[in-house]
Amino acid sequence: MANAVPVVQKACAACKHQRRKCDQNCTLANNFAAERSNDFENVYHLFGMQNTLKILKSVEKEERNATIESLIMEAGMRLEHPMHDHFSVARKLGFEVEKTEKELEIV
């Protein structure tokens, strides 16, 4: 009879932050592995734990990965541009697109 070796699951970044055991039912474990602790910290500081979970529960399971990536991107933009966040970056890119389109019309 072989000895069963218990599988030890490494706590995700969210559970590690809360100092609790990460189990199979953890909503954030798939997206915030321990290696993505910086991403989790950014999302946590911008949205908070309860809002992050509320956002995830409001979308279909199939859309959760994209939602998490969007939250990570938005939190990263806020970190890089604390005064203007992602809206100013999007507006700046929009102006650059318009400028490039006008240049192409001239050529």
PDB file of N, CA and C in Angstrom:
ATOM      1  N   MET A   1       0.848  -1.180   0.000  1.00  0.00           N
ATOM      2  CA  MET A   1       0.000   0.000   0.000  1.00  0.00           C
ATOM      3  C   MET A   1       0.889   1.236   0.000  1.00  0.00           C
ATOM      4  N   ALA A   2       0.685   2.072  -0.976  1.00  0.00           N
ATOM      5  CA  ALA A   2       1.502   3.279  -1.095  1.00  0.00           C
ATOM      6  C   ALA A   2       0.991   4.340  -0.131  1.00  0.00           C
ATOM      7  N   ASN A   3       1.931   5.074   0.410  1.00  0.00           N
ATOM      8  CA  ASN A   3       1.552   6.175   1.296  1.00  0.00           C
ATOM      9  C   ASN A   3       1.063   7.341   0.465  1.00  0.00           C
ATOM     10  N   ALA A   4      -0.079   7.864   0.809  1.00  0.00           N
ATOM     11  CA  ALA A   4      -0.621   9.016   0.102  1.00  0.00           C
ATOM     12  C   ALA A   4       0.098  10.264   0.584  1.00  0.00           C
ATOM     13  N   VAL A   5       0.642  10.985  -0.360  1.00  0.00           N
ATOM     14  CA  VAL A   5       1.345  12.222  -0.029  1.00  0.00           C
ATOM     15  C   VAL A   5       0.356  13.368  -0.175  1.00  0.00           C
ATOM     16  N   PRO A   6       0.110  14.110   0.876  1.00  0.00           N
ATOM     17  CA  PRO A   6      -0.834  15.220   0.763  1.00  0.00           C
ATOM     18  C   PRO A   6      -0.286  16.304  -0.159  1.00  0.00           C
ATOM     19  N   VAL A   7      -1.176  16.820  -0.986  1.00  0.00           N
ATOM     20  CA  VAL A   7      -0.798  17.896  -1.890  1.00  0.00           C
ATOM     21  C   VAL A   7      -0.883  19.203  -1.120  1.00  0.00           C
ATOM     22  N   VAL A   8       0.211  19.907  -1.071  1.00  0.00           N
ATOM     23  CA  VAL A   8       0.247  21.181  -0.365  1.00  0.00           C
ATOM     24  C   VAL A   8       0.059  22.288  -1.388  1.00  0.00           C
ATOM     25  N   GLN A   9      -1.019  23.020  -1.243  1.00  0.00           N
ATOM     26  CA  GLN A   9      -1.298  24.117  -2.151  1.00  0.00           C
ATOM     27  C   GLN A   9      -0.679  25.385  -1.585  1.00  0.00           C
ATOM     28  N   LYS A  10       0.094  26.049  -2.409  1.00  0.00           N
ATOM     29  CA  LYS A  10       0.708  27.303  -1.996  1.00  0.00           C
ATOM     30  C   LYS A  10      -0.379  28.375  -1.949  1.00  0.00           C
ATOM     31  N   ALA A  11      -0.379  29.159  -0.915  1.00  0.00           N
ATOM     32  CA  ALA A  11      -1.401  30.196  -0.759  1.00  0.00           C
ATOM     33  C   ALA A  11      -1.280  31.226  -1.874  1.00  0.00           C
ATOM     34  N   CYS A  12      -2.426  31.630  -2.403  1.00  0.00           N
ATOM     35  CA  CYS A  12      -2.421  32.675  -3.426  1.00  0.00           C
ATOM     36  C   CYS A  12      -2.058  34.008  -2.766  1.00  0.00           C
ATOM     37  N   ALA A  13      -1.817  35.005  -3.585  1.00  0.00           N
ATOM     38  CA  ALA A  13      -1.412  36.314  -3.065  1.00  0.00           C
ATOM     39  C   ALA A  13      -2.495  36.923  -2.172  1.00  0.00           C
ATOM     40  N   ALA A  14      -3.762  36.704  -2.526  1.00  0.00           N
ATOM     41  CA  ALA A  14      -4.856  37.268  -1.729  1.00  0.00           C
ATOM     42  C   ALA A  14      -4.930  36.614  -0.352  1.00  0.00           C
ATOM     43  N   CYS A  15      -4.839  35.292  -0.316  1.00  0.00           N
ATOM     44  CA  CYS A  15      -4.893  34.586   0.973  1.00  0.00           C
ATOM     45  C   CYS A  15      -3.650  34.882   1.802  1.00  0.00           C
ATOM     46  N   LYS A  16      -2.524  34.982   1.137  1.00  0.00           N
ATOM     47  CA  LYS A  16      -1.289  35.301   1.849  1.00  0.00           C
ATOM     48  C   LYS A  16      -1.408  36.686   2.489  1.00  0.00           C
ATOM     49  N   HIS A  17      -1.994  37.633   1.756  1.00  0.00           N
ATOM     50  CA  HIS A  17      -2.187  38.989   2.274  1.00  0.00           C
ATOM     51  C   HIS A  17      -3.095  38.974   3.508  1.00  0.00           C
ATOM     52  N   GLN A  18      -4.127  38.143   3.461  1.00  0.00           N
ATOM     53  CA  GLN A  18      -5.082  38.067   4.571  1.00  0.00           C
ATOM     54  C   GLN A  18      -4.628  37.099   5.657  1.00  0.00           C
ATOM     55  N   ARG A  19      -3.502  36.444   5.430  1.00  0.00           N
ATOM     56  CA  ARG A  19      -2.951  35.461   6.370  1.00  0.00           C
ATOM     57  C   ARG A  19      -3.960  34.361   6.695  1.00  0.00           C
ATOM     58  N   ARG A  20      -4.521  33.802   5.624  1.00  0.00           N
ATOM     59  CA  ARG A  20      -5.446  32.690   5.811  1.00  0.00           C
ATOM     60  C   ARG A  20      -5.076  31.555   4.869  1.00  0.00           C
ATOM     61  N   LYS A  21      -5.608  30.396   5.147  1.00  0.00           N
ATOM     62  CA  LYS A  21      -5.316  29.223   4.339  1.00  0.00           C
ATOM     63  C   LYS A  21      -6.073  29.318   3.020  1.00  0.00           C
ATOM     64  N   CYS A  22      -5.389  29.033   1.942  1.00  0.00           N
ATOM     65  CA  CYS A  22      -5.992  29.076   0.612  1.00  0.00           C
ATOM     66  C   CYS A  22      -6.540  27.683   0.296  1.00  0.00           C
ATOM     67  N   ASP A  23      -7.828  27.583  -0.009  1.00  0.00           N
ATOM     68  CA  ASP A  23      -8.410  26.283  -0.325  1.00  0.00           C
ATOM     69  C   ASP A  23      -8.897  26.235  -1.773  1.00  0.00           C
ATOM     70  N   GLN A  24      -9.527  25.124  -2.143  1.00  0.00           N
ATOM     71  CA  GLN A  24      -9.975  24.946  -3.523  1.00  0.00           C
ATOM     72  C   GLN A  24     -11.078  25.923  -3.907  1.00  0.00           C
ATOM     73  N   ASN A  25     -11.776  26.478  -2.958  1.00  0.00           N
ATOM     74  CA  ASN A  25     -12.883  27.389  -3.230  1.00  0.00           C
ATOM     75  C   ASN A  25     -12.452  28.847  -3.332  1.00  0.00           C
ATOM     76  N   CYS A  26     -11.169  29.112  -3.240  1.00  0.00           N
ATOM     77  CA  CYS A  26     -10.682  30.491  -3.291  1.00  0.00           C
ATOM     78  C   CYS A  26     -10.948  31.084  -4.673  1.00  0.00           C
ATOM     79  N   THR A  27     -11.679  32.165  -4.706  1.00  0.00           N
ATOM     80  CA  THR A  27     -12.052  32.821  -5.957  1.00  0.00           C
ATOM     81  C   THR A  27     -10.851  33.429  -6.667  1.00  0.00           C
ATOM     82  N   LEU A  28      -9.884  33.886  -5.918  1.00  0.00           N
ATOM     83  CA  LEU A  28      -8.759  34.617  -6.501  1.00  0.00           C
ATOM     84  C   LEU A  28      -7.524  33.764  -6.774  1.00  0.00           C
ATOM     85  N   ALA A  29      -7.536  32.503  -6.367  1.00  0.00           N
ATOM     86  CA  ALA A  29      -6.336  31.663  -6.477  1.00  0.00           C
ATOM     87  C   ALA A  29      -5.865  31.485  -7.916  1.00  0.00           C
ATOM     88  N   ASN A  30      -6.782  31.321  -8.857  1.00  0.00           N
ATOM     89  CA  ASN A  30      -6.383  31.106 -10.249  1.00  0.00           C
ATOM     90  C   ASN A  30      -5.703  32.320 -10.859  1.00  0.00           C
ATOM     91  N   ASN A  31      -6.107  33.499 -10.459  1.00  0.00           N
ATOM     92  CA  ASN A  31      -5.596  34.711 -11.085  1.00  0.00           C
ATOM     93  C   ASN A  31      -4.497  35.400 -10.304  1.00  0.00           C
ATOM     94  N   PHE A  32      -4.442  35.175  -9.030  1.00  0.00           N
ATOM     95  CA  PHE A  32      -3.423  35.821  -8.208  1.00  0.00           C
ATOM     96  C   PHE A  32      -2.581  34.774  -7.501  1.00  0.00           C
ATOM     97  N   ALA A  33      -1.828  34.024  -8.290  1.00  0.00           N
ATOM     98  CA  ALA A  33      -0.897  33.062  -7.703  1.00  0.00           C
ATOM     99  C   ALA A  33       0.105  33.837  -6.853  1.00  0.00           C
ATOM    100  N   ALA A  34       0.811  33.139  -6.009  1.00  0.00           N
ATOM    101  CA  ALA A  34       1.762  33.795  -5.102  1.00  0.00           C
ATOM    102  C   ALA A  34       2.776  34.642  -5.864  1.00  0.00           C
ATOM    103  N   GLU A  35       3.115  34.230  -7.082  1.00  0.00           N
ATOM    104  CA  GLU A  35       4.091  34.976  -7.887  1.00  0.00           C
ATOM    105  C   GLU A  35       3.545  36.320  -8.372  1.00  0.00           C
ATOM    106  N   ARG A  36       2.234  36.495  -8.324  1.00  0.00           N
ATOM    107  CA  ARG A  36       1.620  37.746  -8.793  1.00  0.00           C
ATOM    108  C   ARG A  36       1.209  38.635  -7.621  1.00  0.00           C
ATOM    109  N   SER A  37       1.986  38.594  -6.565  1.00  0.00           N
ATOM    110  CA  SER A  37       1.623  39.364  -5.374  1.00  0.00           C
ATOM    111  C   SER A  37       1.633  40.866  -5.637  1.00  0.00           C
ATOM    112  N   ASN A  38       2.530  41.347  -6.498  1.00  0.00           N
ATOM    113  CA  ASN A  38       2.543  42.784  -6.813  1.00  0.00           C
ATOM    114  C   ASN A  38       1.257  43.199  -7.514  1.00  0.00           C
ATOM    115  N   ASP A  39       0.793  42.375  -8.458  1.00  0.00           N
ATOM    116  CA  ASP A  39      -0.468  42.675  -9.136  1.00  0.00           C
ATOM    117  C   ASP A  39      -1.614  42.707  -8.130  1.00  0.00           C
ATOM    118  N   PHE A  40      -1.639  41.731  -7.230  1.00  0.00           N
ATOM    119  CA  PHE A  40      -2.704  41.704  -6.229  1.00  0.00           C
ATOM    120  C   PHE A  40      -2.653  42.941  -5.341  1.00  0.00           C
ATOM    121  N   GLU A  41      -1.467  43.303  -4.885  1.00  0.00           N
ATOM    122  CA  GLU A  41      -1.336  44.477  -4.008  1.00  0.00           C
ATOM    123  C   GLU A  41      -1.859  45.732  -4.701  1.00  0.00           C
ATOM    124  N   ASN A  42      -1.541  45.898  -5.986  1.00  0.00           N
ATOM    125  CA  ASN A  42      -2.023  47.067  -6.725  1.00  0.00           C
ATOM    126  C   ASN A  42      -3.544  47.075  -6.807  1.00  0.00           C
ATOM    127  N   VAL A  43      -4.134  45.924  -7.149  1.00  0.00           N
ATOM    128  CA  VAL A  43      -5.595  45.823  -7.239  1.00  0.00           C
ATOM    129  C   VAL A  43      -6.217  46.047  -5.863  1.00  0.00           C
ATOM    130  N   TYR A  44      -5.633  45.466  -4.844  1.00  0.00           N
ATOM    131  CA  TYR A  44      -6.150  45.601  -3.483  1.00  0.00           C
ATOM    132  C   TYR A  44      -6.151  47.064  -3.041  1.00  0.00           C
ATOM    133  N   HIS A  45      -5.069  47.783  -3.317  1.00  0.00           N
ATOM    134  CA  HIS A  45      -4.984  49.179  -2.879  1.00  0.00           C
ATOM    135  C   HIS A  45      -5.953  50.075  -3.637  1.00  0.00           C
ATOM    136  N   LEU A  46      -6.231  49.753  -4.901  1.00  0.00           N
ATOM    137  CA  LEU A  46      -7.146  50.589  -5.672  1.00  0.00           C
ATOM    138  C   LEU A  46      -8.608  50.234  -5.395  1.00  0.00           C
ATOM    139  N   PHE A  47      -8.937  48.948  -5.379  1.00  0.00           N
ATOM    140  CA  PHE A  47     -10.333  48.530  -5.286  1.00  0.00           C
ATOM    141  C   PHE A  47     -10.741  47.999  -3.915  1.00  0.00           C
ATOM    142  N   GLY A  48      -9.800  47.447  -3.161  1.00  0.00           N
ATOM    143  CA  GLY A  48     -10.142  46.803  -1.898  1.00  0.00           C
ATOM    144  C   GLY A  48     -10.605  45.373  -2.137  1.00  0.00           C
ATOM    145  N   MET A  49     -10.553  44.570  -1.104  1.00  0.00           N
ATOM    146  CA  MET A  49     -10.890  43.154  -1.234  1.00  0.00           C
ATOM    147  C   MET A  49     -12.369  42.952  -1.543  1.00  0.00           C
ATOM    148  N   GLN A  50     -13.237  43.609  -0.792  1.00  0.00           N
ATOM    149  CA  GLN A  50     -14.678  43.397  -0.971  1.00  0.00           C
ATOM    150  C   GLN A  50     -15.150  43.852  -2.344  1.00  0.00           C
ATOM    151  N   ASN A  51     -14.665  45.005  -2.818  1.00  0.00           N
ATOM    152  CA  ASN A  51     -15.066  45.470  -4.143  1.00  0.00           C
ATOM    153  C   ASN A  51     -14.549  44.550  -5.239  1.00  0.00           C
ATOM    154  N   THR A  52     -13.329  44.052  -5.080  1.00  0.00           N
ATOM    155  CA  THR A  52     -12.777  43.129  -6.067  1.00  0.00           C
ATOM    156  C   THR A  52     -13.637  41.874  -6.144  1.00  0.00           C
ATOM    157  N   LEU A  53     -13.986  41.310  -4.994  1.00  0.00           N
ATOM    158  CA  LEU A  53     -14.829  40.112  -4.979  1.00  0.00           C
ATOM    159  C   LEU A  53     -16.224  40.404  -5.527  1.00  0.00           C
ATOM    160  N   LYS A  54     -16.763  41.579  -5.221  1.00  0.00           N
ATOM    161  CA  LYS A  54     -18.081  41.957  -5.717  1.00  0.00           C
ATOM    162  C   LYS A  54     -18.063  42.081  -7.245  1.00  0.00           C
ATOM    163  N   ILE A  55     -17.000  42.676  -7.777  1.00  0.00           N
ATOM    164  CA  ILE A  55     -16.865  42.803  -9.229  1.00  0.00           C
ATOM    165  C   ILE A  55     -16.800  41.420  -9.864  1.00  0.00           C
ATOM    166  N   LEU A  56     -16.007  40.525  -9.288  1.00  0.00           N
ATOM    167  CA  LEU A  56     -15.866  39.179  -9.849  1.00  0.00           C
ATOM    168  C   LEU A  56     -17.169  38.391  -9.783  1.00  0.00           C
ATOM    169  N   LYS A  57     -17.924  38.559  -8.709  1.00  0.00           N
ATOM    170  CA  LYS A  57     -19.190  37.840  -8.588  1.00  0.00           C
ATOM    171  C   LYS A  57     -20.241  38.380  -9.548  1.00  0.00           C
ATOM    172  N   SER A  58     -20.070  39.615 -10.019  1.00  0.00           N
ATOM    173  CA  SER A  58     -21.056  40.219 -10.913  1.00  0.00           C
ATOM    174  C   SER A  58     -20.873  39.802 -12.371  1.00  0.00           C
ATOM    175  N   VAL A  59     -19.785  39.118 -12.694  1.00  0.00           N
ATOM    176  CA  VAL A  59     -19.551  38.683 -14.075  1.00  0.00           C
ATOM    177  C   VAL A  59     -19.636  37.162 -14.158  1.00  0.00           C
ATOM    178  N   GLU A  60     -19.878  36.674 -15.366  1.00  0.00           N
ATOM    179  CA  GLU A  60     -19.930  35.227 -15.597  1.00  0.00           C
ATOM    180  C   GLU A  60     -18.554  34.611 -15.359  1.00  0.00           C
ATOM    181  N   LYS A  61     -18.519  33.329 -15.016  1.00  0.00           N
ATOM    182  CA  LYS A  61     -17.250  32.646 -14.748  1.00  0.00           C
ATOM    183  C   LYS A  61     -16.306  32.725 -15.941  1.00  0.00           C
ATOM    184  N   GLU A  62     -16.854  32.653 -17.152  1.00  0.00           N
ATOM    185  CA  GLU A  62     -16.030  32.693 -18.355  1.00  0.00           C
ATOM    186  C   GLU A  62     -15.341  34.043 -18.535  1.00  0.00           C
ATOM    187  N   GLU A  63     -15.888  35.085 -17.935  1.00  0.00           N
ATOM    188  CA  GLU A  63     -15.354  36.436 -18.102  1.00  0.00           C
ATOM    189  C   GLU A  63     -14.428  36.855 -16.960  1.00  0.00           C
ATOM    190  N   ARG A  64     -14.258  36.012 -15.964  1.00  0.00           N
ATOM    191  CA  ARG A  64     -13.493  36.408 -14.778  1.00  0.00           C
ATOM    192  C   ARG A  64     -12.021  36.651 -15.077  1.00  0.00           C
ATOM    193  N   ASN A  65     -11.410  35.825 -15.910  1.00  0.00           N
ATOM    194  CA  ASN A  65      -9.993  36.039 -16.224  1.00  0.00           C
ATOM    195  C   ASN A  65      -9.787  37.392 -16.892  1.00  0.00           C
ATOM    196  N   ALA A  66     -10.645  37.718 -17.861  1.00  0.00           N
ATOM    197  CA  ALA A  66     -10.536  39.009 -18.541  1.00  0.00           C
ATOM    198  C   ALA A  66     -10.803  40.152 -17.566  1.00  0.00           C
ATOM    199  N   THR A  67     -11.741  39.953 -16.658  1.00  0.00           N
ATOM    200  CA  THR A  67     -12.054  40.981 -15.664  1.00  0.00           C
ATOM    201  C   THR A  67     -10.867  41.224 -14.748  1.00  0.00           C
ATOM    202  N   ILE A  68     -10.241  40.152 -14.282  1.00  0.00           N
ATOM    203  CA  ILE A  68      -9.062  40.291 -13.415  1.00  0.00           C
ATOM    204  C   ILE A  68      -7.947  41.014 -14.159  1.00  0.00           C
ATOM    205  N   GLU A  69      -7.707  40.631 -15.409  1.00  0.00           N
ATOM    206  CA  GLU A  69      -6.648  41.292 -16.179  1.00  0.00           C
ATOM    207  C   GLU A  69      -6.956  42.772 -16.365  1.00  0.00           C
ATOM    208  N   SER A  70      -8.230  43.103 -16.538  1.00  0.00           N
ATOM    209  CA  SER A  70      -8.632  44.503 -16.658  1.00  0.00           C
ATOM    210  C   SER A  70      -8.387  45.259 -15.350  1.00  0.00           C
ATOM    211  N   LEU A  71      -8.719  44.638 -14.226  1.00  0.00           N
ATOM    212  CA  LEU A  71      -8.468  45.263 -12.924  1.00  0.00           C
ATOM    213  C   LEU A  71      -6.974  45.464 -12.697  1.00  0.00           C
ATOM    214  N   ILE A  72      -6.177  44.473 -13.090  1.00  0.00           N
ATOM    215  CA  ILE A  72      -4.724  44.582 -12.945  1.00  0.00           C
ATOM    216  C   ILE A  72      -4.195  45.724 -13.801  1.00  0.00           C
ATOM    217  N   MET A  73      -4.693  45.816 -15.048  1.00  0.00           N
ATOM    218  CA  MET A  73      -4.240  46.877 -15.941  1.00  0.00           C
ATOM    219  C   MET A  73      -4.633  48.251 -15.389  1.00  0.00           C
ATOM    220  N   GLU A  74      -5.871  48.375 -14.931  1.00  0.00           N
ATOM    221  CA  GLU A  74      -6.326  49.656 -14.387  1.00  0.00           C
ATOM    222  C   GLU A  74      -5.535  50.046 -13.143  1.00  0.00           C
ATOM    223  N   ALA A  75      -5.265  49.090 -12.277  1.00  0.00           N
ATOM    224  CA  ALA A  75      -4.477  49.372 -11.073  1.00  0.00           C
ATOM    225  C   ALA A  75      -3.046  49.753 -11.440  1.00  0.00           C
ATOM    226  N   GLY A  76      -2.492  49.107 -12.459  1.00  0.00           N
ATOM    227  CA  GLY A  76      -1.145  49.445 -12.924  1.00  0.00           C
ATOM    228  C   GLY A  76      -1.088  50.846 -13.503  1.00  0.00           C
ATOM    229  N   MET A  77      -2.126  51.216 -14.267  1.00  0.00           N
ATOM    230  CA  MET A  77      -2.190  52.573 -14.825  1.00  0.00           C
ATOM    231  C   MET A  77      -2.275  53.602 -13.705  1.00  0.00           C
ATOM    232  N   ARG A  78      -3.057  53.297 -12.685  1.00  0.00           N
ATOM    233  CA  ARG A  78      -3.188  54.226 -11.557  1.00  0.00           C
ATOM    234  C   ARG A  78      -1.852  54.383 -10.844  1.00  0.00           C
ATOM    235  N   LEU A  79      -1.102  53.292 -10.762  1.00  0.00           N
ATOM    236  CA  LEU A  79       0.206  53.337 -10.117  1.00  0.00           C
ATOM    237  C   LEU A  79       1.181  54.181 -10.939  1.00  0.00           C
ATOM    238  N   GLU A  80       1.156  53.998 -12.270  1.00  0.00           N
ATOM    239  CA  GLU A  80       2.061  54.746 -13.149  1.00  0.00           C
ATOM    240  C   GLU A  80       1.651  56.203 -13.297  1.00  0.00           C
ATOM    241  N   HIS A  81       0.350  56.462 -13.315  1.00  0.00           N
ATOM    242  CA  HIS A  81      -0.177  57.815 -13.526  1.00  0.00           C
ATOM    243  C   HIS A  81      -1.171  58.140 -12.412  1.00  0.00           C
ATOM    244  N   PRO A  82      -0.691  58.427 -11.212  1.00  0.00           N
ATOM    245  CA  PRO A  82      -1.599  58.590 -10.070  1.00  0.00           C
ATOM    246  C   PRO A  82      -2.580  59.754 -10.197  1.00  0.00           C
ATOM    247  N   MET A  83      -2.238  60.759 -10.955  1.00  0.00           N
ATOM    248  CA  MET A  83      -3.137  61.906 -11.067  1.00  0.00           C
ATOM    249  C   MET A  83      -4.211  61.710 -12.131  1.00  0.00           C
ATOM    250  N   HIS A  84      -3.901  60.948 -13.169  1.00  0.00           N
ATOM    251  CA  HIS A  84      -4.812  60.903 -14.314  1.00  0.00           C
ATOM    252  C   HIS A  84      -5.306  59.508 -14.666  1.00  0.00           C
ATOM    253  N   ASP A  85      -4.718  58.483 -14.167  1.00  0.00           N
ATOM    254  CA  ASP A  85      -5.034  57.070 -14.385  1.00  0.00           C
ATOM    255  C   ASP A  85      -5.249  56.717 -15.854  1.00  0.00           C
ATOM    256  N   HIS A  86      -6.027  55.701 -16.119  1.00  0.00           N
ATOM    257  CA  HIS A  86      -6.131  55.159 -17.470  1.00  0.00           C
ATOM    258  C   HIS A  86      -6.902  56.047 -18.432  1.00  0.00           C
ATOM    259  N   PHE A  87      -7.771  56.916 -17.950  1.00  0.00           N
ATOM    260  CA  PHE A  87      -8.529  57.779 -18.846  1.00  0.00           C
ATOM    261  C   PHE A  87      -7.615  58.740 -19.599  1.00  0.00           C
ATOM    262  N   SER A  88      -6.652  59.303 -18.909  1.00  0.00           N
ATOM    263  CA  SER A  88      -5.736  60.221 -19.583  1.00  0.00           C
ATOM    264  C   SER A  88      -4.863  59.480 -20.580  1.00  0.00           C
ATOM    265  N   VAL A  89      -4.469  58.259 -20.253  1.00  0.00           N
ATOM    266  CA  VAL A  89      -3.666  57.465 -21.187  1.00  0.00           C
ATOM    267  C   VAL A  89      -4.494  57.146 -22.424  1.00  0.00           C
ATOM    268  N   ALA A  90      -5.749  56.747 -22.242  1.00  0.00           N
ATOM    269  CA  ALA A  90      -6.623  56.443 -23.375  1.00  0.00           C
ATOM    270  C   ALA A  90      -6.868  57.689 -24.221  1.00  0.00           C
ATOM    271  N   ARG A  91      -7.074  58.826 -23.576  1.00  0.00           N
ATOM    272  CA  ARG A  91      -7.303  60.071 -24.314  1.00  0.00           C
ATOM    273  C   ARG A  91      -6.061  60.459 -25.103  1.00  0.00           C
ATOM    274  N   LYS A  92      -4.889  60.316 -24.482  1.00  0.00           N
ATOM    275  CA  LYS A  92      -3.632  60.630 -25.161  1.00  0.00           C
ATOM    276  C   LYS A  92      -3.441  59.726 -26.376  1.00  0.00           C
ATOM    277  N   LEU A  93      -3.718  58.448 -26.215  1.00  0.00           N
ATOM    278  CA  LEU A  93      -3.599  57.526 -27.345  1.00  0.00           C
ATOM    279  C   LEU A  93      -4.608  57.870 -28.438  1.00  0.00           C
ATOM    280  N   GLY A  94      -5.805  58.292 -28.046  1.00  0.00           N
ATOM    281  CA  GLY A  94      -6.807  58.715 -29.026  1.00  0.00           C
ATOM    282  C   GLY A  94      -6.334  59.915 -29.829  1.00  0.00           C
ATOM    283  N   PHE A  95      -5.714  60.888 -29.163  1.00  0.00           N
ATOM    284  CA  PHE A  95      -5.173  62.049 -29.868  1.00  0.00           C
ATOM    285  C   PHE A  95      -4.070  61.637 -30.831  1.00  0.00           C
ATOM    286  N   GLU A  96      -3.234  60.690 -30.412  1.00  0.00           N
ATOM    287  CA  GLU A  96      -2.161  60.214 -31.281  1.00  0.00           C
ATOM    288  C   GLU A  96      -2.720  59.503 -32.509  1.00  0.00           C
ATOM    289  N   VAL A  97      -3.797  58.739 -32.331  1.00  0.00           N
ATOM    290  CA  VAL A  97      -4.434  58.063 -33.464  1.00  0.00           C
ATOM    291  C   VAL A  97      -4.993  59.091 -34.434  1.00  0.00           C
ATOM    292  N   GLU A  98      -5.692  60.108 -33.913  1.00  0.00           N
ATOM    293  CA  GLU A  98      -6.241  61.162 -34.771  1.00  0.00           C
ATOM    294  C   GLU A  98      -5.139  61.878 -35.534  1.00  0.00           C
ATOM    295  N   LYS A  99      -4.062  62.196 -34.854  1.00  0.00           N
ATOM    296  CA  LYS A  99      -2.931  62.879 -35.485  1.00  0.00           C
ATOM    297  C   LYS A  99      -2.347  62.022 -36.601  1.00  0.00           C
ATOM    298  N   THR A 100      -2.171  60.740 -36.337  1.00  0.00           N
ATOM    299  CA  THR A 100      -1.611  59.836 -37.340  1.00  0.00           C
ATOM    300  C   THR A 100      -2.557  59.691 -38.522  1.00  0.00           C
ATOM    301  N   GLU A 101      -3.866  59.617 -38.276  1.00  0.00           N
ATOM    302  CA  GLU A 101      -4.836  59.523 -39.369  1.00  0.00           C
ATOM    303  C   GLU A 101      -4.797  60.770 -40.241  1.00  0.00           C
ATOM    304  N   LYS A 102      -4.661  61.949 -39.640  1.00  0.00           N
ATOM    305  CA  LYS A 102      -4.568  63.189 -40.412  1.00  0.00           C
ATOM    306  C   LYS A 102      -3.296  63.219 -41.240  1.00  0.00           C
ATOM    307  N   GLU A 103      -2.199  62.720 -40.662  1.00  0.00           N
ATOM    308  CA  GLU A 103      -0.941  62.654 -41.406  1.00  0.00           C
ATOM    309  C   GLU A 103      -1.067  61.713 -42.601  1.00  0.00           C
ATOM    310  N   LEU A 104      -1.772  60.608 -42.419  1.00  0.00           N
ATOM    311  CA  LEU A 104      -1.961  59.658 -43.514  1.00  0.00           C
ATOM    312  C   LEU A 104      -2.835  60.237 -44.620  1.00  0.00           C
ATOM    313  N   GLU A 105      -3.809  61.085 -44.262  1.00  0.00           N
ATOM    314  CA  GLU A 105      -4.655  61.730 -45.266  1.00  0.00           C
ATOM    315  C   GLU A 105      -3.840  62.667 -46.141  1.00  0.00           C
ATOM    316  N   ILE A 106      -2.850  63.307 -45.540  1.00  0.00           N
ATOM    317  CA  ILE A 106      -2.004  64.247 -46.278  1.00  0.00           C
ATOM    318  C   ILE A 106      -1.135  63.505 -47.283  1.00  0.00           C
ATOM    319  N   VAL A 107      -0.647  62.345 -46.902  1.00  0.00           N
ATOM    320  CA  VAL A 107       0.274  61.585 -47.756  1.00  0.00           C
ATOM    321  C   VAL A 107      -0.447  60.927 -48.842  1.00  0.00           C
TER     322      VAL A 107
END
